[in-house]
Amino acid sequence: MSTKYLLNDDHLLQQIKRIAEGLAETFAPFCEVVVHDLKDAEHSIQAIHNNLSGRQPGDPTTELGLARIADPEYPEIIANYANRFPDGRQAKSTSIGIKNESGQYVAALCLNLDLTLFQNLQSAMAQFTRVEAKVDESLDTGSADSIRERIDQFAASLASSPRALKTLERRQLLQALKEAGYLDIRKSMEVVAQHLGVSRAAAYSYIKNE
């Protein structure tokens, strides 16, 4: 390889290191970010941030690194694959191979996300949201959600939003709600007025003027 390419390779590696620093700061402390120099497989790790694997700069490359060194056609991006840290913690990894101008792999940027915290959080949320007894009760006794949903559907059919509806469109909406029986629901006009962003008097006026 010529001196020109060697200089370019070194420049690429330095830029990748800067990118790795930014990614590591953004996703700290849950994501390990590693920079590999694939020109030196035995000592490929050049930088490691948010160290979760216990590896150190100067350690050898991984199986993916060896595969890229052996085959320039090996995929450049392998995203979100299952992995595992040396202590057994589950990880989700993404490996990005970097080629130089001659099409040879010279570096890799790898991200290893520790799934432990997120799995614990998921378990905690599942426990928190778990319900056991089934009772026929609703805290929304006025079926407010169904009214809001019907208003949203009407607005969407006009490529608009509830609060952007014009006066004529609001009158048409109120008539449709009335015909469907929504206005017979207790406190329905309060829900309608709030969702449209108007006063309750204004909401009533749309019916009177129909």
N, C-alpha and C. Protein backbone atom coordinates (compact mmCIF):
# COMPACT_ATOMS: atom_id res chain seq x y z
N MET A 1 0.85 -1.19 0.00
CA MET A 1 0.00 0.00 0.00
C MET A 1 0.88 1.24 0.00
N SER A 2 0.52 2.25 -0.76
CA SER A 2 1.34 3.44 -0.90
C SER A 2 1.29 4.30 0.35
N THR A 3 2.26 5.23 0.47
CA THR A 3 2.29 6.16 1.61
C THR A 3 1.04 7.01 1.63
N LYS A 4 0.53 7.36 0.45
CA LYS A 4 -0.68 8.17 0.36
C LYS A 4 -1.83 7.50 1.09
N TYR A 5 -2.02 6.19 0.82
CA TYR A 5 -3.13 5.49 1.45
C TYR A 5 -2.90 5.33 2.95
N LEU A 6 -1.66 5.13 3.33
CA LEU A 6 -1.38 5.00 4.76
C LEU A 6 -1.74 6.28 5.50
N LEU A 7 -1.42 7.41 4.89
CA LEU A 7 -1.78 8.69 5.50
C LEU A 7 -3.30 8.84 5.57
N ASN A 8 -3.96 8.46 4.51
CA ASN A 8 -5.41 8.56 4.49
C ASN A 8 -6.04 7.63 5.53
N ASP A 9 -5.47 6.44 5.67
CA ASP A 9 -5.98 5.49 6.65
C ASP A 9 -5.85 6.06 8.07
N ASP A 10 -4.72 6.68 8.36
CA ASP A 10 -4.51 7.26 9.68
C ASP A 10 -5.50 8.40 9.93
N HIS A 11 -5.74 9.18 8.89
CA HIS A 11 -6.69 10.29 9.01
C HIS A 11 -8.10 9.74 9.27
N LEU A 12 -8.47 8.69 8.56
CA LEU A 12 -9.77 8.06 8.79
C LEU A 12 -9.90 7.59 10.24
N LEU A 13 -8.87 6.96 10.73
CA LEU A 13 -8.90 6.43 12.08
C LEU A 13 -9.07 7.54 13.11
N GLN A 14 -8.39 8.65 12.90
CA GLN A 14 -8.53 9.77 13.84
C GLN A 14 -9.94 10.35 13.82
N GLN A 15 -10.54 10.42 12.64
CA GLN A 15 -11.91 10.93 12.55
C GLN A 15 -12.90 9.99 13.22
N ILE A 16 -12.66 8.69 13.05
CA ILE A 16 -13.54 7.70 13.68
C ILE A 16 -13.45 7.80 15.20
N LYS A 17 -12.25 8.07 15.70
CA LYS A 17 -12.08 8.24 17.15
C LYS A 17 -12.90 9.41 17.66
N ARG A 18 -12.93 10.50 16.89
CA ARG A 18 -13.73 11.66 17.31
C ARG A 18 -15.22 11.30 17.34
N ILE A 19 -15.66 10.57 16.32
CA ILE A 19 -17.06 10.15 16.27
C ILE A 19 -17.39 9.26 17.46
N ALA A 20 -16.46 8.36 17.78
CA ALA A 20 -16.67 7.44 18.90
C ALA A 20 -16.82 8.21 20.21
N GLU A 21 -16.02 9.24 20.39
CA GLU A 21 -16.11 10.05 21.61
C GLU A 21 -17.49 10.68 21.75
N GLY A 22 -17.99 11.22 20.64
CA GLY A 22 -19.31 11.85 20.68
C GLY A 22 -20.42 10.86 20.96
N LEU A 23 -20.35 9.70 20.32
CA LEU A 23 -21.37 8.67 20.56
C LEU A 23 -21.32 8.19 22.00
N ALA A 24 -20.12 8.02 22.53
CA ALA A 24 -19.97 7.53 23.89
C ALA A 24 -20.55 8.51 24.90
N GLU A 25 -20.32 9.78 24.68
CA GLU A 25 -20.88 10.78 25.60
C GLU A 25 -22.40 10.82 25.51
N THR A 26 -22.92 10.62 24.31
CA THR A 26 -24.36 10.67 24.11
C THR A 26 -25.06 9.50 24.79
N PHE A 27 -24.47 8.30 24.70
CA PHE A 27 -25.13 7.11 25.20
C PHE A 27 -24.55 6.57 26.51
N ALA A 28 -23.70 7.36 27.15
CA ALA A 28 -23.13 6.95 28.44
C ALA A 28 -24.25 6.81 29.47
N PRO A 29 -24.13 5.86 30.38
CA PRO A 29 -23.05 4.86 30.52
C PRO A 29 -23.46 3.49 29.99
N PHE A 30 -24.53 3.45 29.19
CA PHE A 30 -25.14 2.17 28.82
C PHE A 30 -24.56 1.54 27.56
N CYS A 31 -23.76 2.29 26.83
CA CYS A 31 -23.28 1.79 25.54
C CYS A 31 -21.76 1.89 25.45
N GLU A 32 -21.14 0.77 25.27
CA GLU A 32 -19.69 0.73 25.05
C GLU A 32 -19.41 1.05 23.58
N VAL A 33 -18.45 1.93 23.34
CA VAL A 33 -18.10 2.31 21.97
C VAL A 33 -16.61 2.00 21.76
N VAL A 34 -16.34 1.21 20.73
CA VAL A 34 -14.97 0.71 20.50
C VAL A 34 -14.51 1.06 19.09
N VAL A 35 -13.27 1.52 19.00
CA VAL A 35 -12.66 1.80 17.70
C VAL A 35 -11.57 0.75 17.46
N HIS A 36 -11.65 0.06 16.31
CA HIS A 36 -10.66 -0.96 15.94
C HIS A 36 -9.84 -0.47 14.75
N ASP A 37 -8.55 -0.71 14.80
CA ASP A 37 -7.66 -0.53 13.66
C ASP A 37 -7.47 -1.90 13.03
N LEU A 38 -8.11 -2.15 11.90
CA LEU A 38 -8.07 -3.48 11.29
C LEU A 38 -6.77 -3.75 10.54
N LYS A 39 -5.87 -2.78 10.52
CA LYS A 39 -4.57 -3.02 9.91
C LYS A 39 -3.64 -3.74 10.89
N ASP A 40 -4.06 -3.81 12.14
CA ASP A 40 -3.25 -4.48 13.17
C ASP A 40 -4.18 -5.36 14.00
N ALA A 41 -4.49 -6.53 13.47
CA ALA A 41 -5.49 -7.40 14.09
C ALA A 41 -5.12 -7.82 15.50
N GLU A 42 -3.83 -7.99 15.77
CA GLU A 42 -3.40 -8.46 17.09
C GLU A 42 -3.55 -7.39 18.17
N HIS A 43 -3.58 -6.13 17.75
CA HIS A 43 -3.69 -5.02 18.72
C HIS A 43 -4.68 -3.98 18.17
N SER A 44 -5.83 -4.46 17.73
CA SER A 44 -6.71 -3.60 16.95
C SER A 44 -7.43 -2.52 17.76
N ILE A 45 -7.71 -2.77 19.02
CA ILE A 45 -8.49 -1.79 19.79
C ILE A 45 -7.65 -0.53 20.03
N GLN A 46 -8.11 0.57 19.46
CA GLN A 46 -7.43 1.85 19.58
C GLN A 46 -8.05 2.73 20.66
N ALA A 47 -9.34 2.57 20.88
CA ALA A 47 -10.04 3.36 21.89
C ALA A 47 -11.27 2.59 22.34
N ILE A 48 -11.58 2.70 23.62
CA ILE A 48 -12.77 2.06 24.15
C ILE A 48 -13.37 3.00 25.21
N HIS A 49 -14.63 3.37 24.99
CA HIS A 49 -15.32 4.31 25.86
C HIS A 49 -16.48 3.61 26.56
N ASN A 50 -16.80 4.05 27.77
CA ASN A 50 -17.85 3.42 28.58
C ASN A 50 -17.57 1.92 28.67
N ASN A 51 -16.39 1.59 29.10
CA ASN A 51 -15.90 0.20 29.05
C ASN A 51 -16.81 -0.74 29.84
N LEU A 52 -17.50 -1.61 29.13
CA LEU A 52 -18.41 -2.58 29.74
C LEU A 52 -17.89 -4.01 29.60
N SER A 53 -16.96 -4.23 28.70
CA SER A 53 -16.47 -5.58 28.41
C SER A 53 -15.18 -5.91 29.13
N GLY A 54 -14.52 -4.90 29.70
CA GLY A 54 -13.26 -5.15 30.37
C GLY A 54 -12.06 -5.21 29.44
N ARG A 55 -12.27 -4.99 28.15
CA ARG A 55 -11.14 -4.99 27.22
C ARG A 55 -10.36 -3.69 27.34
N GLN A 56 -9.16 -3.67 26.76
CA GLN A 56 -8.29 -2.51 26.87
C GLN A 56 -7.70 -2.17 25.50
N PRO A 57 -7.29 -0.91 25.31
CA PRO A 57 -6.58 -0.55 24.08
C PRO A 57 -5.37 -1.47 23.89
N GLY A 58 -5.19 -1.93 22.68
CA GLY A 58 -4.11 -2.86 22.38
C GLY A 58 -4.57 -4.30 22.33
N ASP A 59 -5.81 -4.57 22.76
CA ASP A 59 -6.33 -5.94 22.69
C ASP A 59 -6.67 -6.29 21.24
N PRO A 60 -6.74 -7.58 20.92
CA PRO A 60 -6.98 -8.00 19.52
C PRO A 60 -8.40 -7.74 19.05
N THR A 61 -8.60 -7.87 17.77
CA THR A 61 -9.91 -7.68 17.17
C THR A 61 -10.81 -8.88 17.44
N THR A 62 -12.06 -8.77 17.06
CA THR A 62 -13.04 -9.84 17.25
C THR A 62 -13.17 -10.67 15.97
N GLU A 63 -14.08 -11.63 16.02
CA GLU A 63 -14.32 -12.47 14.84
C GLU A 63 -14.80 -11.63 13.65
N LEU A 64 -15.62 -10.61 13.92
CA LEU A 64 -16.09 -9.76 12.83
C LEU A 64 -14.93 -9.00 12.19
N GLY A 65 -14.01 -8.54 13.04
CA GLY A 65 -12.86 -7.83 12.51
C GLY A 65 -12.02 -8.73 11.61
N LEU A 66 -11.78 -9.96 12.05
CA LEU A 66 -11.01 -10.90 11.25
C LEU A 66 -11.72 -11.21 9.93
N ALA A 67 -13.06 -11.31 9.99
CA ALA A 67 -13.83 -11.59 8.78
C ALA A 67 -13.70 -10.46 7.78
N ARG A 68 -13.70 -9.23 8.25
CA ARG A 68 -13.57 -8.09 7.35
C ARG A 68 -12.16 -8.00 6.77
N ILE A 69 -11.18 -8.31 7.60
CA ILE A 69 -9.80 -8.29 7.10
C ILE A 69 -9.63 -9.32 5.98
N ALA A 70 -10.26 -10.46 6.14
CA ALA A 70 -10.12 -11.55 5.16
C ALA A 70 -10.95 -11.31 3.90
N ASP A 71 -12.04 -10.57 4.02
CA ASP A 71 -12.96 -10.43 2.88
C ASP A 71 -13.48 -9.01 2.77
N PRO A 72 -12.98 -8.22 1.81
CA PRO A 72 -13.45 -6.85 1.62
C PRO A 72 -14.94 -6.76 1.28
N GLU A 73 -15.53 -7.88 0.86
CA GLU A 73 -16.95 -7.89 0.52
C GLU A 73 -17.84 -8.18 1.73
N TYR A 74 -17.23 -8.43 2.86
CA TYR A 74 -18.01 -8.69 4.08
C TYR A 74 -18.87 -7.46 4.37
N PRO A 75 -20.11 -7.64 4.85
CA PRO A 75 -21.03 -6.50 5.06
C PRO A 75 -20.39 -5.38 5.88
N GLU A 76 -20.64 -4.16 5.44
CA GLU A 76 -20.08 -3.00 6.13
C GLU A 76 -20.81 -2.71 7.44
N ILE A 77 -22.11 -2.97 7.46
CA ILE A 77 -22.89 -2.69 8.67
C ILE A 77 -23.64 -3.95 9.09
N ILE A 78 -23.42 -4.35 10.31
CA ILE A 78 -24.20 -5.43 10.92
C ILE A 78 -24.82 -4.82 12.18
N ALA A 79 -26.12 -4.62 12.16
CA ALA A 79 -26.77 -3.85 13.21
C ALA A 79 -27.65 -4.71 14.10
N ASN A 80 -27.65 -4.35 15.38
CA ASN A 80 -28.59 -4.89 16.36
C ASN A 80 -28.54 -6.42 16.47
N TYR A 81 -27.34 -6.96 16.54
CA TYR A 81 -27.24 -8.42 16.70
C TYR A 81 -27.02 -8.76 18.18
N ALA A 82 -27.49 -9.93 18.56
CA ALA A 82 -27.37 -10.37 19.95
C ALA A 82 -25.92 -10.65 20.28
N ASN A 83 -25.52 -10.21 21.46
CA ASN A 83 -24.15 -10.41 21.89
C ASN A 83 -24.15 -10.63 23.41
N ARG A 84 -22.97 -10.83 23.98
CA ARG A 84 -22.89 -11.06 25.42
C ARG A 84 -21.53 -10.59 25.94
N PHE A 85 -21.56 -9.88 27.07
CA PHE A 85 -20.31 -9.44 27.69
C PHE A 85 -19.64 -10.62 28.40
N PRO A 86 -18.34 -10.53 28.69
CA PRO A 86 -17.63 -11.65 29.34
C PRO A 86 -18.26 -12.12 30.64
N ASP A 87 -18.93 -11.22 31.38
CA ASP A 87 -19.54 -11.62 32.65
C ASP A 87 -20.94 -12.19 32.48
N GLY A 88 -21.39 -12.34 31.23
CA GLY A 88 -22.68 -12.97 30.97
C GLY A 88 -23.81 -12.02 30.68
N ARG A 89 -23.60 -10.72 30.90
CA ARG A 89 -24.68 -9.77 30.62
C ARG A 89 -25.03 -9.76 29.13
N GLN A 90 -26.32 -9.69 28.86
CA GLN A 90 -26.77 -9.65 27.47
C GLN A 90 -26.50 -8.28 26.88
N ALA A 91 -26.17 -8.28 25.60
CA ALA A 91 -25.87 -7.03 24.91
C ALA A 91 -26.51 -7.03 23.52
N LYS A 92 -26.69 -5.84 23.01
CA LYS A 92 -27.11 -5.66 21.62
C LYS A 92 -26.01 -4.86 20.94
N SER A 93 -25.49 -5.40 19.85
CA SER A 93 -24.31 -4.79 19.23
C SER A 93 -24.56 -4.36 17.80
N THR A 94 -23.79 -3.35 17.40
CA THR A 94 -23.76 -2.91 16.00
C THR A 94 -22.31 -2.69 15.62
N SER A 95 -21.92 -3.25 14.49
CA SER A 95 -20.54 -3.13 14.02
C SER A 95 -20.53 -2.47 12.64
N ILE A 96 -19.72 -1.43 12.50
CA ILE A 96 -19.64 -0.67 11.25
C ILE A 96 -18.20 -0.75 10.74
N GLY A 97 -18.03 -1.35 9.59
CA GLY A 97 -16.71 -1.44 8.99
C GLY A 97 -16.41 -0.20 8.15
N ILE A 98 -15.18 0.27 8.20
CA ILE A 98 -14.76 1.46 7.47
C ILE A 98 -13.71 1.07 6.44
N LYS A 99 -13.98 1.43 5.19
CA LYS A 99 -13.04 1.12 4.11
C LYS A 99 -12.27 2.37 3.69
N ASN A 100 -11.08 2.16 3.16
CA ASN A 100 -10.31 3.28 2.62
C ASN A 100 -10.63 3.45 1.13
N GLU A 101 -9.87 4.31 0.49
CA GLU A 101 -10.14 4.62 -0.91
C GLU A 101 -9.94 3.43 -1.83
N SER A 102 -9.14 2.48 -1.42
CA SER A 102 -8.89 1.31 -2.26
C SER A 102 -9.88 0.19 -2.00
N GLY A 103 -10.84 0.43 -1.11
CA GLY A 103 -11.87 -0.56 -0.85
C GLY A 103 -11.49 -1.61 0.17
N GLN A 104 -10.42 -1.39 0.90
CA GLN A 104 -9.98 -2.32 1.93
C GLN A 104 -10.47 -1.85 3.30
N TYR A 105 -10.88 -2.82 4.14
CA TYR A 105 -11.27 -2.47 5.50
C TYR A 105 -10.05 -2.04 6.29
N VAL A 106 -10.14 -0.87 6.90
CA VAL A 106 -9.02 -0.37 7.68
C VAL A 106 -9.41 -0.11 9.14
N ALA A 107 -10.72 -0.03 9.41
CA ALA A 107 -11.15 0.27 10.78
C ALA A 107 -12.58 -0.22 10.98
N ALA A 108 -12.97 -0.24 12.23
CA ALA A 108 -14.35 -0.59 12.57
C ALA A 108 -14.79 0.21 13.79
N LEU A 109 -16.03 0.59 13.78
CA LEU A 109 -16.64 1.30 14.91
C LEU A 109 -17.75 0.40 15.45
N CYS A 110 -17.63 0.02 16.72
CA CYS A 110 -18.56 -0.95 17.29
C CYS A 110 -19.26 -0.37 18.52
N LEU A 111 -20.56 -0.65 18.62
CA LEU A 111 -21.36 -0.21 19.75
C LEU A 111 -21.97 -1.44 20.42
N ASN A 112 -21.78 -1.52 21.73
CA ASN A 112 -22.30 -2.65 22.50
C ASN A 112 -23.18 -2.10 23.62
N LEU A 113 -24.47 -2.32 23.49
CA LEU A 113 -25.44 -1.77 24.43
C LEU A 113 -25.75 -2.78 25.52
N ASP A 114 -25.59 -2.37 26.77
CA ASP A 114 -25.90 -3.23 27.91
C ASP A 114 -27.41 -3.28 28.08
N LEU A 115 -28.00 -4.46 27.88
CA LEU A 115 -29.45 -4.61 27.96
C LEU A 115 -29.95 -4.83 29.38
N THR A 116 -29.04 -5.02 30.32
CA THR A 116 -29.45 -5.39 31.68
C THR A 116 -30.38 -4.36 32.29
N LEU A 117 -29.99 -3.10 32.24
CA LEU A 117 -30.80 -2.05 32.85
C LEU A 117 -32.17 -1.98 32.21
N PHE A 118 -32.19 -2.06 30.88
CA PHE A 118 -33.46 -1.92 30.18
C PHE A 118 -34.37 -3.13 30.43
N GLN A 119 -33.77 -4.30 30.57
CA GLN A 119 -34.56 -5.48 30.89
C GLN A 119 -35.14 -5.38 32.30
N ASN A 120 -34.34 -4.86 33.24
CA ASN A 120 -34.84 -4.65 34.59
C ASN A 120 -35.95 -3.62 34.61
N LEU A 121 -35.77 -2.56 33.83
CA LEU A 121 -36.78 -1.52 33.76
C LEU A 121 -38.06 -2.06 33.14
N GLN A 122 -37.91 -2.89 32.10
CA GLN A 122 -39.07 -3.50 31.46
C GLN A 122 -39.82 -4.39 32.44
N SER A 123 -39.07 -5.14 33.24
CA SER A 123 -39.71 -6.01 34.23
C SER A 123 -40.44 -5.19 35.29
N ALA A 124 -39.80 -4.09 35.70
CA ALA A 124 -40.43 -3.23 36.70
C ALA A 124 -41.70 -2.60 36.16
N MET A 125 -41.66 -2.17 34.91
CA MET A 125 -42.84 -1.56 34.31
C MET A 125 -43.96 -2.58 34.14
N ALA A 126 -43.58 -3.81 33.77
CA ALA A 126 -44.59 -4.86 33.62
C ALA A 126 -45.27 -5.14 34.96
N GLN A 127 -44.46 -5.14 36.02
CA GLN A 127 -45.02 -5.37 37.34
C GLN A 127 -45.92 -4.22 37.76
N PHE A 128 -45.48 -3.00 37.45
CA PHE A 128 -46.23 -1.81 37.84
C PHE A 128 -47.58 -1.72 37.12
N THR A 129 -47.61 -2.13 35.85
CA THR A 129 -48.83 -1.99 35.06
C THR A 129 -49.70 -3.24 35.09
N ARG A 130 -49.25 -4.28 35.80
CA ARG A 130 -50.01 -5.53 35.84
C ARG A 130 -51.31 -5.35 36.61
N VAL A 131 -52.39 -5.89 36.07
CA VAL A 131 -53.69 -5.88 36.76
C VAL A 131 -54.12 -7.33 36.94
N GLU A 132 -54.83 -7.58 38.03
CA GLU A 132 -55.23 -8.94 38.34
C GLU A 132 -56.74 -9.12 38.28
N ALA A 133 -57.46 -8.39 39.10
CA ALA A 133 -58.92 -8.55 39.14
C ALA A 133 -59.56 -7.79 37.98
N LYS A 134 -60.57 -8.38 37.39
CA LYS A 134 -61.31 -7.73 36.31
C LYS A 134 -62.63 -7.23 36.86
N VAL A 135 -62.80 -5.92 36.85
CA VAL A 135 -64.02 -5.30 37.36
C VAL A 135 -64.57 -4.39 36.28
N ASP A 136 -65.84 -4.43 36.06
CA ASP A 136 -66.47 -3.58 35.05
C ASP A 136 -66.62 -2.17 35.60
N GLU A 137 -65.56 -1.39 35.49
CA GLU A 137 -65.58 -0.01 35.96
C GLU A 137 -64.69 0.81 35.07
N SER A 138 -65.08 2.03 34.83
CA SER A 138 -64.27 2.96 34.06
C SER A 138 -64.21 4.28 34.81
N LEU A 139 -63.01 4.83 34.90
CA LEU A 139 -62.86 6.13 35.55
C LEU A 139 -63.32 7.25 34.64
N ASP A 140 -63.50 6.95 33.37
CA ASP A 140 -64.00 7.93 32.41
C ASP A 140 -65.46 7.63 32.18
N THR A 141 -66.30 8.00 33.15
CA THR A 141 -67.71 7.62 33.10
C THR A 141 -68.46 8.28 31.95
N GLY A 142 -67.93 9.36 31.40
CA GLY A 142 -68.61 10.04 30.30
C GLY A 142 -68.14 9.58 28.94
N SER A 143 -67.36 8.50 28.90
CA SER A 143 -66.84 7.99 27.62
C SER A 143 -66.14 9.09 26.83
N ALA A 144 -65.37 9.90 27.56
CA ALA A 144 -64.69 11.03 26.91
C ALA A 144 -63.75 10.59 25.82
N ASP A 145 -63.08 9.48 26.04
CA ASP A 145 -62.13 9.01 25.03
C ASP A 145 -62.80 8.70 23.71
N SER A 146 -63.99 8.12 23.76
CA SER A 146 -64.69 7.78 22.52
C SER A 146 -65.11 9.03 21.77
N ILE A 147 -65.47 10.07 22.52
CA ILE A 147 -65.84 11.34 21.88
C ILE A 147 -64.62 11.97 21.23
N ARG A 148 -63.52 11.99 21.96
CA ARG A 148 -62.29 12.57 21.40
C ARG A 148 -61.84 11.80 20.17
N GLU A 149 -61.95 10.49 20.23
CA GLU A 149 -61.55 9.66 19.09
C GLU A 149 -62.41 9.96 17.87
N ARG A 150 -63.70 10.14 18.08
CA ARG A 150 -64.61 10.45 16.96
C ARG A 150 -64.28 11.82 16.37
N ILE A 151 -63.95 12.78 17.22
CA ILE A 151 -63.57 14.11 16.74
C ILE A 151 -62.28 14.03 15.93
N ASP A 152 -61.31 13.26 16.44
CA ASP A 152 -60.04 13.11 15.73
C ASP A 152 -60.25 12.47 14.36
N GLN A 153 -61.12 11.49 14.30
CA GLN A 153 -61.40 10.83 13.02
C GLN A 153 -62.03 11.80 12.03
N PHE A 154 -62.95 12.61 12.52
CA PHE A 154 -63.60 13.59 11.65
C PHE A 154 -62.58 14.58 11.11
N ALA A 155 -61.72 15.09 12.00
CA ALA A 155 -60.71 16.05 11.58
C ALA A 155 -59.73 15.42 10.59
N ALA A 156 -59.33 14.18 10.86
CA ALA A 156 -58.39 13.50 9.97
C ALA A 156 -58.98 13.29 8.59
N SER A 157 -60.29 13.07 8.52
CA SER A 157 -60.94 12.88 7.21
C SER A 157 -60.87 14.14 6.37
N LEU A 158 -60.64 15.28 7.03
CA LEU A 158 -60.52 16.56 6.33
C LEU A 158 -59.06 17.02 6.26
N ALA A 159 -58.15 16.10 6.59
CA ALA A 159 -56.72 16.42 6.61
C ALA A 159 -56.45 17.61 7.50
N SER A 160 -57.10 17.63 8.65
CA SER A 160 -56.97 18.74 9.57
C SER A 160 -56.80 18.19 10.98
N SER A 161 -56.80 19.08 11.95
CA SER A 161 -56.76 18.71 13.36
C SER A 161 -57.99 19.31 14.04
N PRO A 162 -58.41 18.79 15.20
CA PRO A 162 -59.62 19.29 15.84
C PRO A 162 -59.61 20.80 16.04
N ARG A 163 -58.52 21.36 16.47
CA ARG A 163 -58.49 22.79 16.76
C ARG A 163 -58.34 23.65 15.51
N ALA A 164 -58.05 23.01 14.37
CA ALA A 164 -57.91 23.76 13.12
C ALA A 164 -59.17 23.73 12.27
N LEU A 165 -60.22 23.07 12.75
CA LEU A 165 -61.46 22.98 11.98
C LEU A 165 -62.11 24.36 11.83
N LYS A 166 -62.65 24.60 10.64
CA LYS A 166 -63.35 25.85 10.39
C LYS A 166 -64.76 25.79 10.98
N THR A 167 -65.41 26.94 11.05
CA THR A 167 -66.73 27.02 11.68
C THR A 167 -67.74 26.06 11.05
N LEU A 168 -67.80 26.04 9.72
CA LEU A 168 -68.74 25.16 9.05
C LEU A 168 -68.41 23.70 9.35
N GLU A 169 -67.14 23.37 9.39
CA GLU A 169 -66.72 22.00 9.67
C GLU A 169 -67.09 21.61 11.11
N ARG A 170 -66.98 22.57 12.03
CA ARG A 170 -67.36 22.29 13.41
C ARG A 170 -68.86 22.04 13.53
N ARG A 171 -69.64 22.78 12.77
CA ARG A 171 -71.09 22.55 12.78
C ARG A 171 -71.41 21.16 12.24
N GLN A 172 -70.73 20.78 11.17
CA GLN A 172 -70.93 19.45 10.61
C GLN A 172 -70.52 18.37 11.61
N LEU A 173 -69.44 18.62 12.33
CA LEU A 173 -68.97 17.69 13.34
C LEU A 173 -70.00 17.52 14.45
N LEU A 174 -70.49 18.62 14.97
CA LEU A 174 -71.47 18.55 16.06
C LEU A 174 -72.74 17.82 15.63
N GLN A 175 -73.15 18.06 14.38
CA GLN A 175 -74.32 17.37 13.88
C GLN A 175 -74.07 15.86 13.81
N ALA A 176 -72.87 15.49 13.35
CA ALA A 176 -72.52 14.07 13.26
C ALA A 176 -72.47 13.43 14.64
N LEU A 177 -71.92 14.15 15.61
CA LEU A 177 -71.87 13.64 16.98
C LEU A 177 -73.27 13.47 17.55
N LYS A 178 -74.13 14.44 17.23
CA LYS A 178 -75.52 14.39 17.72
C LYS A 178 -76.25 13.19 17.15
N GLU A 179 -76.11 12.99 15.85
CA GLU A 179 -76.80 11.89 15.19
C GLU A 179 -76.30 10.53 15.68
N ALA A 180 -75.02 10.48 16.07
CA ALA A 180 -74.45 9.22 16.55
C ALA A 180 -74.73 8.99 18.03
N GLY A 181 -75.35 9.95 18.66
CA GLY A 181 -75.71 9.79 20.07
C GLY A 181 -74.65 10.19 21.06
N TYR A 182 -73.54 10.74 20.58
CA TYR A 182 -72.47 11.12 21.49
C TYR A 182 -72.87 12.27 22.40
N LEU A 183 -73.73 13.15 21.93
CA LEU A 183 -74.09 14.31 22.73
C LEU A 183 -75.09 13.97 23.82
N ASP A 184 -75.57 12.73 23.84
CA ASP A 184 -76.44 12.29 24.92
C ASP A 184 -75.63 11.85 26.15
N ILE A 185 -74.32 11.74 25.96
CA ILE A 185 -73.45 11.32 27.06
C ILE A 185 -73.24 12.47 28.03
N ARG A 186 -73.23 12.17 29.29
CA ARG A 186 -73.07 13.18 30.33
C ARG A 186 -71.77 13.96 30.14
N LYS A 187 -71.86 15.28 30.21
CA LYS A 187 -70.74 16.21 30.07
C LYS A 187 -70.06 16.12 28.71
N SER A 188 -70.80 15.67 27.71
CA SER A 188 -70.21 15.52 26.38
C SER A 188 -69.77 16.86 25.79
N MET A 189 -70.57 17.91 26.03
CA MET A 189 -70.24 19.21 25.44
C MET A 189 -68.96 19.78 26.05
N GLU A 190 -68.71 19.47 27.31
CA GLU A 190 -67.47 19.93 27.93
C GLU A 190 -66.27 19.27 27.24
N VAL A 191 -66.42 17.99 26.96
CA VAL A 191 -65.34 17.26 26.28
C VAL A 191 -65.13 17.80 24.88
N VAL A 192 -66.23 18.03 24.16
CA VAL A 192 -66.15 18.55 22.79
C VAL A 192 -65.48 19.91 22.78
N ALA A 193 -65.92 20.80 23.66
CA ALA A 193 -65.37 22.16 23.70
C ALA A 193 -63.88 22.14 24.01
N GLN A 194 -63.50 21.32 24.97
CA GLN A 194 -62.09 21.23 25.36
C GLN A 194 -61.23 20.69 24.23
N HIS A 195 -61.73 19.68 23.53
CA HIS A 195 -60.94 19.06 22.46
C HIS A 195 -60.83 19.97 21.24
N LEU A 196 -61.85 20.80 21.02
CA LEU A 196 -61.82 21.75 19.90
C LEU A 196 -61.10 23.03 20.27
N GLY A 197 -60.88 23.25 21.56
CA GLY A 197 -60.20 24.46 22.00
C GLY A 197 -61.09 25.68 21.96
N VAL A 198 -62.39 25.47 22.22
CA VAL A 198 -63.34 26.58 22.22
C VAL A 198 -64.10 26.57 23.53
N SER A 199 -64.88 27.63 23.76
CA SER A 199 -65.70 27.67 24.96
C SER A 199 -66.89 26.74 24.81
N ARG A 200 -67.49 26.38 25.93
CA ARG A 200 -68.67 25.52 25.86
C ARG A 200 -69.82 26.23 25.17
N ALA A 201 -69.93 27.56 25.37
CA ALA A 201 -70.98 28.35 24.70
C ALA A 201 -70.81 28.29 23.19
N ALA A 202 -69.55 28.35 22.75
CA ALA A 202 -69.28 28.28 21.31
C ALA A 202 -69.67 26.91 20.77
N ALA A 203 -69.36 25.87 21.53
CA ALA A 203 -69.72 24.52 21.10
C ALA A 203 -71.23 24.37 20.95
N TYR A 204 -71.98 24.92 21.90
CA TYR A 204 -73.44 24.86 21.82
C TYR A 204 -73.95 25.65 20.61
N SER A 205 -73.26 26.75 20.29
CA SER A 205 -73.71 27.57 19.17
C SER A 205 -73.64 26.83 17.84
N TYR A 206 -72.69 25.89 17.73
CA TYR A 206 -72.57 25.14 16.49
C TYR A 206 -73.79 24.25 16.27
N ILE A 207 -74.42 23.83 17.36
CA ILE A 207 -75.63 23.02 17.24
C ILE A 207 -76.82 23.90 16.93
N LYS A 208 -76.91 25.02 17.59
CA LYS A 208 -78.06 25.91 17.42
C LYS A 208 -78.13 26.48 16.02
N ASN A 209 -76.94 26.67 15.43
CA ASN A 209 -76.90 27.25 14.09
C ASN A 209 -77.01 26.20 12.99
N GLU A 210 -77.12 24.94 13.40
CA GLU A 210 -77.18 23.85 12.42
C GLU A 210 -78.53 23.89 11.72
